[in-house]
Amino acid sequence: MAEAKWTTDHELIRTWAEARGAVPSAVKGTGGGDDPGIIRLDFPGYSGAGKLEPISWDEWFAKFDESDLALLYQEETAEGERSNFNKLVKRDTAEHKKRAA
């Protein structure tokens, strides 16, 4: 597997996601009021259809920061293809893994 990286940089996340056609989304039925609920990046044509609803980048990043998250992501697969791999993790988990490396 190609190396995964992590970031909290909003512009890097947005650029990475948009380059792959992903949109900021929330899991339907998990939020309420001003809270979007559980956030995800939705890649068209994948399993999010019907389960995710698009939200604005501002809403997505507000929840991302409020939840103290980091994005674990991959630029390329081991075969050199563009990768969509991503996972939202707690920032302290990402920091711990960075120190252990």
PDB file of N, CA and C in Angstrom:
ATOM      1  N   MET A   1       0.842  -1.182   0.000  1.00  0.00           N
ATOM      2  CA  MET A   1       0.000   0.000   0.000  1.00  0.00           C
ATOM      3  C   MET A   1       0.881   1.237   0.000  1.00  0.00           C
ATOM      4  N   ALA A   2       0.518   2.224  -0.784  1.00  0.00           N
ATOM      5  CA  ALA A   2       1.255   3.481  -0.812  1.00  0.00           C
ATOM      6  C   ALA A   2       1.057   4.200   0.524  1.00  0.00           C
ATOM      7  N   GLU A   3       1.972   5.101   0.825  1.00  0.00           N
ATOM      8  CA  GLU A   3       1.950   5.798   2.099  1.00  0.00           C
ATOM      9  C   GLU A   3       0.730   6.703   2.258  1.00  0.00           C
ATOM     10  N   ALA A   4       0.122   6.633   3.430  1.00  0.00           N
ATOM     11  CA  ALA A   4      -0.982   7.534   3.756  1.00  0.00           C
ATOM     12  C   ALA A   4      -0.409   8.715   4.533  1.00  0.00           C
ATOM     13  N   LYS A   5      -1.004   9.877   4.324  1.00  0.00           N
ATOM     14  CA  LYS A   5      -0.597  11.097   5.007  1.00  0.00           C
ATOM     15  C   LYS A   5      -1.792  11.610   5.785  1.00  0.00           C
ATOM     16  N   TRP A   6      -1.573  12.570   6.661  1.00  0.00           N
ATOM     17  CA  TRP A   6      -2.707  13.187   7.337  1.00  0.00           C
ATOM     18  C   TRP A   6      -2.521  14.689   7.353  1.00  0.00           C
ATOM     19  N   THR A   7      -3.664  15.377   7.413  1.00  0.00           N
ATOM     20  CA  THR A   7      -3.636  16.832   7.421  1.00  0.00           C
ATOM     21  C   THR A   7      -4.879  17.389   8.107  1.00  0.00           C
ATOM     22  N   THR A   8      -4.741  18.624   8.556  1.00  0.00           N
ATOM     23  CA  THR A   8      -5.880  19.394   9.064  1.00  0.00           C
ATOM     24  C   THR A   8      -6.046  20.665   8.241  1.00  0.00           C
ATOM     25  N   ASP A   9      -5.218  20.837   7.223  1.00  0.00           N
ATOM     26  CA  ASP A   9      -5.218  22.034   6.391  1.00  0.00           C
ATOM     27  C   ASP A   9      -6.453  22.069   5.485  1.00  0.00           C
ATOM     28  N   HIS A  10      -7.314  23.036   5.709  1.00  0.00           N
ATOM     29  CA  HIS A  10      -8.573  23.122   4.970  1.00  0.00           C
ATOM     30  C   HIS A  10      -8.363  23.215   3.464  1.00  0.00           C
ATOM     31  N   GLU A  11      -7.440  24.049   3.028  1.00  0.00           N
ATOM     32  CA  GLU A  11      -7.232  24.230   1.586  1.00  0.00           C
ATOM     33  C   GLU A  11      -6.702  22.952   0.940  1.00  0.00           C
ATOM     34  N   LEU A  12      -5.789  22.266   1.614  1.00  0.00           N
ATOM     35  CA  LEU A  12      -5.255  21.003   1.091  1.00  0.00           C
ATOM     36  C   LEU A  12      -6.362  19.963   0.991  1.00  0.00           C
ATOM     37  N   ILE A  13      -7.203  19.865   1.998  1.00  0.00           N
ATOM     38  CA  ILE A  13      -8.309  18.903   1.987  1.00  0.00           C
ATOM     39  C   ILE A  13      -9.259  19.211   0.841  1.00  0.00           C
ATOM     40  N   ARG A  14      -9.629  20.457   0.725  1.00  0.00           N
ATOM     41  CA  ARG A  14     -10.582  20.846  -0.329  1.00  0.00           C
ATOM     42  C   ARG A  14      -9.997  20.577  -1.717  1.00  0.00           C
ATOM     43  N   THR A  15      -8.746  20.942  -1.927  1.00  0.00           N
ATOM     44  CA  THR A  15      -8.080  20.716  -3.211  1.00  0.00           C
ATOM     45  C   THR A  15      -7.991  19.227  -3.529  1.00  0.00           C
ATOM     46  N   TRP A  16      -7.586  18.420  -2.541  1.00  0.00           N
ATOM     47  CA  TRP A  16      -7.462  16.976  -2.730  1.00  0.00           C
ATOM     48  C   TRP A  16      -8.818  16.380  -3.097  1.00  0.00           C
ATOM     49  N   ALA A  17      -9.857  16.750  -2.346  1.00  0.00           N
ATOM     50  CA  ALA A  17     -11.196  16.205  -2.578  1.00  0.00           C
ATOM     51  C   ALA A  17     -11.745  16.623  -3.941  1.00  0.00           C
ATOM     52  N   GLU A  18     -11.661  17.907  -4.254  1.00  0.00           N
ATOM     53  CA  GLU A  18     -12.220  18.400  -5.515  1.00  0.00           C
ATOM     54  C   GLU A  18     -11.495  17.827  -6.725  1.00  0.00           C
ATOM     55  N   ALA A  19     -10.198  17.560  -6.597  1.00  0.00           N
ATOM     56  CA  ALA A  19      -9.444  16.953  -7.703  1.00  0.00           C
ATOM     57  C   ALA A  19      -9.966  15.552  -8.020  1.00  0.00           C
ATOM     58  N   ARG A  20     -10.644  14.942  -7.053  1.00  0.00           N
ATOM     59  CA  ARG A  20     -11.175  13.594  -7.217  1.00  0.00           C
ATOM     60  C   ARG A  20     -12.693  13.584  -7.390  1.00  0.00           C
ATOM     61  N   GLY A  21     -13.291  14.761  -7.510  1.00  0.00           N
ATOM     62  CA  GLY A  21     -14.726  14.865  -7.708  1.00  0.00           C
ATOM     63  C   GLY A  21     -15.549  14.705  -6.445  1.00  0.00           C
ATOM     64  N   ALA A  22     -14.910  14.688  -5.285  1.00  0.00           N
ATOM     65  CA  ALA A  22     -15.623  14.506  -4.020  1.00  0.00           C
ATOM     66  C   ALA A  22     -16.261  15.816  -3.562  1.00  0.00           C
ATOM     67  N   VAL A  23     -17.377  15.678  -2.861  1.00  0.00           N
ATOM     68  CA  VAL A  23     -18.066  16.842  -2.308  1.00  0.00           C
ATOM     69  C   VAL A  23     -18.249  16.649  -0.810  1.00  0.00           C
ATOM     70  N   PRO A  24     -18.252  17.765  -0.057  1.00  0.00           N
ATOM     71  CA  PRO A  24     -18.471  17.670   1.388  1.00  0.00           C
ATOM     72  C   PRO A  24     -19.903  17.215   1.652  1.00  0.00           C
ATOM     73  N   SER A  25     -20.058  16.263   2.548  1.00  0.00           N
ATOM     74  CA  SER A  25     -21.371  15.672   2.789  1.00  0.00           C
ATOM     75  C   SER A  25     -21.543  15.307   4.251  1.00  0.00           C
ATOM     76  N   ALA A  26     -22.807  15.064   4.605  1.00  0.00           N
ATOM     77  CA  ALA A  26     -23.159  14.587   5.940  1.00  0.00           C
ATOM     78  C   ALA A  26     -24.018  13.332   5.779  1.00  0.00           C
ATOM     79  N   VAL A  27     -23.903  12.432   6.752  1.00  0.00           N
ATOM     80  CA  VAL A  27     -24.719  11.223   6.747  1.00  0.00           C
ATOM     81  C   VAL A  27     -26.151  11.629   7.098  1.00  0.00           C
ATOM     82  N   LYS A  28     -27.088  11.277   6.234  1.00  0.00           N
ATOM     83  CA  LYS A  28     -28.495  11.631   6.441  1.00  0.00           C
ATOM     84  C   LYS A  28     -28.988  11.128   7.791  1.00  0.00           C
ATOM     85  N   GLY A  29     -29.739  11.986   8.479  1.00  0.00           N
ATOM     86  CA  GLY A  29     -30.360  11.599   9.735  1.00  0.00           C
ATOM     87  C   GLY A  29     -29.471  11.657  10.958  1.00  0.00           C
ATOM     88  N   THR A  30     -28.221  12.157  10.816  1.00  0.00           N
ATOM     89  CA  THR A  30     -27.326  12.195  11.974  1.00  0.00           C
ATOM     90  C   THR A  30     -27.196  13.574  12.589  1.00  0.00           C
ATOM     91  N   GLY A  31     -27.730  14.597  11.948  1.00  0.00           N
ATOM     92  CA  GLY A  31     -27.619  15.956  12.457  1.00  0.00           C
ATOM     93  C   GLY A  31     -28.960  16.511  12.866  1.00  0.00           C
ATOM     94  N   GLY A  32     -28.924  17.784  13.181  1.00  0.00           N
ATOM     95  CA  GLY A  32     -30.155  18.473  13.544  1.00  0.00           C
ATOM     96  C   GLY A  32     -29.854  19.934  13.787  1.00  0.00           C
ATOM     97  N   GLY A  33     -30.760  20.793  13.388  1.00  0.00           N
ATOM     98  CA  GLY A  33     -30.535  22.226  13.557  1.00  0.00           C
ATOM     99  C   GLY A  33     -29.334  22.673  12.752  1.00  0.00           C
ATOM    100  N   ASP A  34     -28.391  23.316  13.408  1.00  0.00           N
ATOM    101  CA  ASP A  34     -27.177  23.786  12.738  1.00  0.00           C
ATOM    102  C   ASP A  34     -26.081  22.728  12.687  1.00  0.00           C
ATOM    103  N   ASP A  35     -26.312  21.560  13.280  1.00  0.00           N
ATOM    104  CA  ASP A  35     -25.311  20.489  13.317  1.00  0.00           C
ATOM    105  C   ASP A  35     -25.535  19.540  12.143  1.00  0.00           C
ATOM    106  N   PRO A  36     -24.552  19.448  11.219  1.00  0.00           N
ATOM    107  CA  PRO A  36     -24.738  18.554  10.070  1.00  0.00           C
ATOM    108  C   PRO A  36     -24.676  17.074  10.442  1.00  0.00           C
ATOM    109  N   GLY A  37     -24.173  16.755  11.632  1.00  0.00           N
ATOM    110  CA  GLY A  37     -24.039  15.359  12.039  1.00  0.00           C
ATOM    111  C   GLY A  37     -22.698  14.791  11.610  1.00  0.00           C
ATOM    112  N   ILE A  38     -22.709  13.543  11.215  1.00  0.00           N
ATOM    113  CA  ILE A  38     -21.472  12.857  10.817  1.00  0.00           C
ATOM    114  C   ILE A  38     -21.089  13.308   9.412  1.00  0.00           C
ATOM    115  N   ILE A  39     -19.862  13.787   9.269  1.00  0.00           N
ATOM    116  CA  ILE A  39     -19.405  14.275   7.963  1.00  0.00           C
ATOM    117  C   ILE A  39     -18.592  13.221   7.221  1.00  0.00           C
ATOM    118  N   ARG A  40     -18.636  13.326   5.921  1.00  0.00           N
ATOM    119  CA  ARG A  40     -17.893  12.442   5.016  1.00  0.00           C
ATOM    120  C   ARG A  40     -17.543  13.227   3.763  1.00  0.00           C
ATOM    121  N   LEU A  41     -16.640  12.663   2.967  1.00  0.00           N
ATOM    122  CA  LEU A  41     -16.400  13.145   1.609  1.00  0.00           C
ATOM    123  C   LEU A  41     -17.100  12.157   0.694  1.00  0.00           C
ATOM    124  N   ASP A  42     -17.964  12.667  -0.162  1.00  0.00           N
ATOM    125  CA  ASP A  42     -18.747  11.814  -1.051  1.00  0.00           C
ATOM    126  C   ASP A  42     -18.142  11.811  -2.447  1.00  0.00           C
ATOM    127  N   PHE A  43     -17.757  10.628  -2.893  1.00  0.00           N
ATOM    128  CA  PHE A  43     -17.213  10.438  -4.231  1.00  0.00           C
ATOM    129  C   PHE A  43     -18.313   9.880  -5.112  1.00  0.00           C
ATOM    130  N   PRO A  44     -18.757  10.637  -6.113  1.00  0.00           N
ATOM    131  CA  PRO A  44     -19.835  10.161  -6.982  1.00  0.00           C
ATOM    132  C   PRO A  44     -19.536   8.777  -7.559  1.00  0.00           C
ATOM    133  N   GLY A  45     -20.574   7.938  -7.555  1.00  0.00           N
ATOM    134  CA  GLY A  45     -20.417   6.592  -8.085  1.00  0.00           C
ATOM    135  C   GLY A  45     -20.010   5.572  -7.049  1.00  0.00           C
ATOM    136  N   TYR A  46     -19.828   5.987  -5.794  1.00  0.00           N
ATOM    137  CA  TYR A  46     -19.448   5.059  -4.730  1.00  0.00           C
ATOM    138  C   TYR A  46     -20.627   4.845  -3.793  1.00  0.00           C
ATOM    139  N   SER A  47     -20.413   4.241  -2.665  1.00  0.00           N
ATOM    140  CA  SER A  47     -21.493   3.775  -1.790  1.00  0.00           C
ATOM    141  C   SER A  47     -22.286   4.868  -1.075  1.00  0.00           C
ATOM    142  N   GLY A  48     -21.959   6.136  -1.232  1.00  0.00           N
ATOM    143  CA  GLY A  48     -22.674   7.193  -0.535  1.00  0.00           C
ATOM    144  C   GLY A  48     -24.041   7.527  -1.089  1.00  0.00           C
ATOM    145  N   ALA A  49     -24.356   7.058  -2.261  1.00  0.00           N
ATOM    146  CA  ALA A  49     -25.631   7.403  -2.898  1.00  0.00           C
ATOM    147  C   ALA A  49     -26.808   7.023  -2.000  1.00  0.00           C
ATOM    148  N   GLY A  50     -27.664   8.014  -1.725  1.00  0.00           N
ATOM    149  CA  GLY A  50     -28.833   7.780  -0.900  1.00  0.00           C
ATOM    150  C   GLY A  50     -28.583   7.854   0.591  1.00  0.00           C
ATOM    151  N   LYS A  51     -27.329   7.807   1.005  1.00  0.00           N
ATOM    152  CA  LYS A  51     -26.980   7.831   2.426  1.00  0.00           C
ATOM    153  C   LYS A  51     -26.396   9.164   2.856  1.00  0.00           C
ATOM    154  N   LEU A  52     -25.868   9.908   1.891  1.00  0.00           N
ATOM    155  CA  LEU A  52     -25.209  11.173   2.193  1.00  0.00           C
ATOM    156  C   LEU A  52     -25.948  12.325   1.541  1.00  0.00           C
ATOM    157  N   GLU A  53     -25.872  13.494   2.188  1.00  0.00           N
ATOM    158  CA  GLU A  53     -26.436  14.701   1.591  1.00  0.00           C
ATOM    159  C   GLU A  53     -25.352  15.765   1.539  1.00  0.00           C
ATOM    160  N   PRO A  54     -25.264  16.490   0.427  1.00  0.00           N
ATOM    161  CA  PRO A  54     -24.229  17.512   0.292  1.00  0.00           C
ATOM    162  C   PRO A  54     -24.440  18.645   1.294  1.00  0.00           C
ATOM    163  N   ILE A  55     -23.323  19.162   1.800  1.00  0.00           N
ATOM    164  CA  ILE A  55     -23.320  20.346   2.658  1.00  0.00           C
ATOM    165  C   ILE A  55     -22.240  21.282   2.126  1.00  0.00           C
ATOM    166  N   SER A  56     -22.217  22.503   2.613  1.00  0.00           N
ATOM    167  CA  SER A  56     -21.196  23.452   2.146  1.00  0.00           C
ATOM    168  C   SER A  56     -19.843  23.112   2.772  1.00  0.00           C
ATOM    169  N   TRP A  57     -18.798  23.586   2.111  1.00  0.00           N
ATOM    170  CA  TRP A  57     -17.467  23.413   2.691  1.00  0.00           C
ATOM    171  C   TRP A  57     -17.386  24.121   4.041  1.00  0.00           C
ATOM    172  N   ASP A  58     -18.023  25.277   4.194  1.00  0.00           N
ATOM    173  CA  ASP A  58     -17.997  25.982   5.478  1.00  0.00           C
ATOM    174  C   ASP A  58     -18.603  25.119   6.583  1.00  0.00           C
ATOM    175  N   GLU A  59     -19.749  24.501   6.302  1.00  0.00           N
ATOM    176  CA  GLU A  59     -20.382  23.612   7.291  1.00  0.00           C
ATOM    177  C   GLU A  59     -19.476  22.414   7.589  1.00  0.00           C
ATOM    178  N   TRP A  60     -18.920  21.843   6.539  1.00  0.00           N
ATOM    179  CA  TRP A  60     -18.079  20.652   6.689  1.00  0.00           C
ATOM    180  C   TRP A  60     -16.857  20.964   7.549  1.00  0.00           C
ATOM    181  N   PHE A  61     -16.171  22.077   7.249  1.00  0.00           N
ATOM    182  CA  PHE A  61     -14.973  22.419   8.013  1.00  0.00           C
ATOM    183  C   PHE A  61     -15.295  22.857   9.442  1.00  0.00           C
ATOM    184  N   ALA A  62     -16.449  23.482   9.658  1.00  0.00           N
ATOM    185  CA  ALA A  62     -16.850  23.840  11.022  1.00  0.00           C
ATOM    186  C   ALA A  62     -16.995  22.572  11.861  1.00  0.00           C
ATOM    187  N   LYS A  63     -17.656  21.558  11.315  1.00  0.00           N
ATOM    188  CA  LYS A  63     -17.827  20.288  12.028  1.00  0.00           C
ATOM    189  C   LYS A  63     -16.493  19.572  12.168  1.00  0.00           C
ATOM    190  N   PHE A  64     -15.664  19.613  11.138  1.00  0.00           N
ATOM    191  CA  PHE A  64     -14.335  19.008  11.139  1.00  0.00           C
ATOM    192  C   PHE A  64     -13.498  19.564  12.295  1.00  0.00           C
ATOM    193  N   ASP A  65     -13.477  20.892  12.431  1.00  0.00           N
ATOM    194  CA  ASP A  65     -12.696  21.524  13.499  1.00  0.00           C
ATOM    195  C   ASP A  65     -13.338  21.314  14.865  1.00  0.00           C
ATOM    196  N   GLU A  66     -14.654  21.448  14.938  1.00  0.00           N
ATOM    197  CA  GLU A  66     -15.370  21.256  16.204  1.00  0.00           C
ATOM    198  C   GLU A  66     -15.145  19.851  16.761  1.00  0.00           C
ATOM    199  N   SER A  67     -15.068  18.872  15.867  1.00  0.00           N
ATOM    200  CA  SER A  67     -14.885  17.474  16.266  1.00  0.00           C
ATOM    201  C   SER A  67     -13.415  17.108  16.433  1.00  0.00           C
ATOM    202  N   ASP A  68     -12.513  18.071  16.208  1.00  0.00           N
ATOM    203  CA  ASP A  68     -11.073  17.870  16.375  1.00  0.00           C
ATOM    204  C   ASP A  68     -10.566  16.729  15.488  1.00  0.00           C
ATOM    205  N   LEU A  69     -10.944  16.800  14.202  1.00  0.00           N
ATOM    206  CA  LEU A  69     -10.599  15.740  13.258  1.00  0.00           C
ATOM    207  C   LEU A  69      -9.390  16.095  12.401  1.00  0.00           C
ATOM    208  N   ALA A  70      -8.801  15.072  11.828  1.00  0.00           N
ATOM    209  CA  ALA A  70      -7.754  15.183  10.814  1.00  0.00           C
ATOM    210  C   ALA A  70      -8.160  14.252   9.678  1.00  0.00           C
ATOM    211  N   LEU A  71      -7.673  14.539   8.475  1.00  0.00           N
ATOM    212  CA  LEU A  71      -7.952  13.672   7.332  1.00  0.00           C
ATOM    213  C   LEU A  71      -6.735  12.816   7.048  1.00  0.00           C
ATOM    214  N   LEU A  72      -6.925  11.507   7.107  1.00  0.00           N
ATOM    215  CA  LEU A  72      -5.924  10.552   6.671  1.00  0.00           C
ATOM    216  C   LEU A  72      -6.233  10.292   5.207  1.00  0.00           C
ATOM    217  N   TYR A  73      -5.267  10.462   4.336  1.00  0.00           N
ATOM    218  CA  TYR A  73      -5.536  10.351   2.902  1.00  0.00           C
ATOM    219  C   TYR A  73      -4.329   9.785   2.180  1.00  0.00           C
ATOM    220  N   GLN A  74      -4.549   9.407   0.937  1.00  0.00           N
ATOM    221  CA  GLN A  74      -3.506   8.830   0.101  1.00  0.00           C
ATOM    222  C   GLN A  74      -3.546   9.515  -1.258  1.00  0.00           C
ATOM    223  N   GLU A  75      -2.385   9.902  -1.752  1.00  0.00           N
ATOM    224  CA  GLU A  75      -2.303  10.530  -3.076  1.00  0.00           C
ATOM    225  C   GLU A  75      -2.436   9.494  -4.190  1.00  0.00           C
ATOM    226  N   GLU A  76      -1.693   8.392  -4.052  1.00  0.00           N
ATOM    227  CA  GLU A  76      -1.668   7.361  -5.089  1.00  0.00           C
ATOM    228  C   GLU A  76      -1.721   5.977  -4.469  1.00  0.00           C
ATOM    229  N   THR A  77      -2.233   5.022  -5.236  1.00  0.00           N
ATOM    230  CA  THR A  77      -2.221   3.625  -4.814  1.00  0.00           C
ATOM    231  C   THR A  77      -0.802   3.080  -4.975  1.00  0.00           C
ATOM    232  N   ALA A  78      -0.581   1.874  -4.500  1.00  0.00           N
ATOM    233  CA  ALA A  78       0.725   1.233  -4.652  1.00  0.00           C
ATOM    234  C   ALA A  78       1.084   1.063  -6.128  1.00  0.00           C
ATOM    235  N   GLU A  79       0.050   1.004  -6.991  1.00  0.00           N
ATOM    236  CA  GLU A  79       0.273   0.844  -8.435  1.00  0.00           C
ATOM    237  C   GLU A  79       0.497   2.176  -9.137  1.00  0.00           C
ATOM    238  N   GLY A  80       0.465   3.286  -8.391  1.00  0.00           N
ATOM    239  CA  GLY A  80       0.699   4.595  -8.977  1.00  0.00           C
ATOM    240  C   GLY A  80      -0.540   5.292  -9.512  1.00  0.00           C
ATOM    241  N   GLU A  81      -1.729   4.706  -9.290  1.00  0.00           N
ATOM    242  CA  GLU A  81      -2.983   5.323  -9.717  1.00  0.00           C
ATOM    243  C   GLU A  81      -3.432   6.349  -8.676  1.00  0.00           C
ATOM    244  N   ARG A  82      -4.235   7.317  -9.105  1.00  0.00           N
ATOM    245  CA  ARG A  82      -4.793   8.293  -8.173  1.00  0.00           C
ATOM    246  C   ARG A  82      -5.666   7.554  -7.158  1.00  0.00           C
ATOM    247  N   SER A  83      -5.476   7.859  -5.890  1.00  0.00           N
ATOM    248  CA  SER A  83      -6.222   7.188  -4.825  1.00  0.00           C
ATOM    249  C   SER A  83      -7.305   8.091  -4.248  1.00  0.00           C
ATOM    250  N   ASN A  84      -8.441   7.497  -3.915  1.00  0.00           N
ATOM    251  CA  ASN A  84      -9.508   8.189  -3.211  1.00  0.00           C
ATOM    252  C   ASN A  84      -9.513   7.822  -1.733  1.00  0.00           C
ATOM    253  N   PHE A  85      -8.539   7.005  -1.295  1.00  0.00           N
ATOM    254  CA  PHE A  85      -8.545   6.572   0.102  1.00  0.00           C
ATOM    255  C   PHE A  85      -8.521   7.769   1.037  1.00  0.00           C
ATOM    256  N   ASN A  86      -9.456   7.771   1.983  1.00  0.00           N
ATOM    257  CA  ASN A  86      -9.478   8.805   3.013  1.00  0.00           C
ATOM    258  C   ASN A  86     -10.234   8.290   4.219  1.00  0.00           C
ATOM    259  N   LYS A  87      -9.883   8.833   5.361  1.00  0.00           N
ATOM    260  CA  LYS A  87     -10.549   8.474   6.604  1.00  0.00           C
ATOM    261  C   LYS A  87     -10.435   9.655   7.550  1.00  0.00           C
ATOM    262  N   LEU A  88     -11.526   9.987   8.209  1.00  0.00           N
ATOM    263  CA  LEU A  88     -11.500  11.035   9.215  1.00  0.00           C
ATOM    264  C   LEU A  88     -11.134  10.400  10.546  1.00  0.00           C
ATOM    265  N   VAL A  89     -10.095  10.944  11.188  1.00  0.00           N
ATOM    266  CA  VAL A  89      -9.613  10.423  12.463  1.00  0.00           C
ATOM    267  C   VAL A  89      -9.464  11.576  13.449  1.00  0.00           C
ATOM    268  N   LYS A  90      -9.450  11.262  14.719  1.00  0.00           N
ATOM    269  CA  LYS A  90      -9.204  12.274  15.742  1.00  0.00           C
ATOM    270  C   LYS A  90      -7.780  12.804  15.585  1.00  0.00           C
ATOM    271  N   ARG A  91      -7.611  14.103  15.798  1.00  0.00           N
ATOM    272  CA  ARG A  91      -6.283  14.710  15.640  1.00  0.00           C
ATOM    273  C   ARG A  91      -5.264  14.113  16.586  1.00  0.00           C
ATOM    274  N   ASP A  92      -5.661  13.785  17.808  1.00  0.00           N
ATOM    275  CA  ASP A  92      -4.685  13.215  18.736  1.00  0.00           C
ATOM    276  C   ASP A  92      -4.216  11.838  18.265  1.00  0.00           C
ATOM    277  N   THR A  93      -5.065  11.091  17.569  1.00  0.00           N
ATOM    278  CA  THR A  93      -4.656   9.807  16.991  1.00  0.00           C
ATOM    279  C   THR A  93      -3.626  10.034  15.898  1.00  0.00           C
ATOM    280  N   ALA A  94      -3.871  11.016  15.041  1.00  0.00           N
ATOM    281  CA  ALA A  94      -2.939  11.336  13.957  1.00  0.00           C
ATOM    282  C   ALA A  94      -1.606  11.810  14.533  1.00  0.00           C
ATOM    283  N   GLU A  95      -1.641  12.659  15.557  1.00  0.00           N
ATOM    284  CA  GLU A  95      -0.407  13.151  16.190  1.00  0.00           C
ATOM    285  C   GLU A  95       0.372  11.995  16.806  1.00  0.00           C
ATOM    286  N   HIS A  96      -0.320  11.082  17.472  1.00  0.00           N
ATOM    287  CA  HIS A  96       0.334   9.938  18.099  1.00  0.00           C
ATOM    288  C   HIS A  96       1.034   9.067  17.057  1.00  0.00           C
ATOM    289  N   LYS A  97       0.358   8.810  15.954  1.00  0.00           N
ATOM    290  CA  LYS A  97       0.960   7.998  14.890  1.00  0.00           C
ATOM    291  C   LYS A  97       2.171   8.698  14.280  1.00  0.00           C
ATOM    292  N   LYS A  98       2.112  10.023  14.160  1.00  0.00           N
ATOM    293  CA  LYS A  98       3.226  10.781  13.601  1.00  0.00           C
ATOM    294  C   LYS A  98       4.453  10.644  14.515  1.00  0.00           C
ATOM    295  N   ARG A  99       4.241  10.755  15.815  1.00  0.00           N
ATOM    296  CA  ARG A  99       5.358  10.653  16.768  1.00  0.00           C
ATOM    297  C   ARG A  99       5.947   9.253  16.789  1.00  0.00           C
ATOM    298  N   ALA A 100       5.109   8.242  16.564  1.00  0.00           N
ATOM    299  CA  ALA A 100       5.563   6.853  16.614  1.00  0.00           C
ATOM    300  C   ALA A 100       6.343   6.461  15.358  1.00  0.00           C
ATOM    301  N   ALA A 101       6.178   7.222  14.287  1.00  0.00           N
ATOM    302  CA  ALA A 101       6.824   6.876  13.006  1.00  0.00           C
ATOM    303  C   ALA A 101       8.313   7.158  13.026  1.00  0.00           C
TER     304      ALA A 101
END
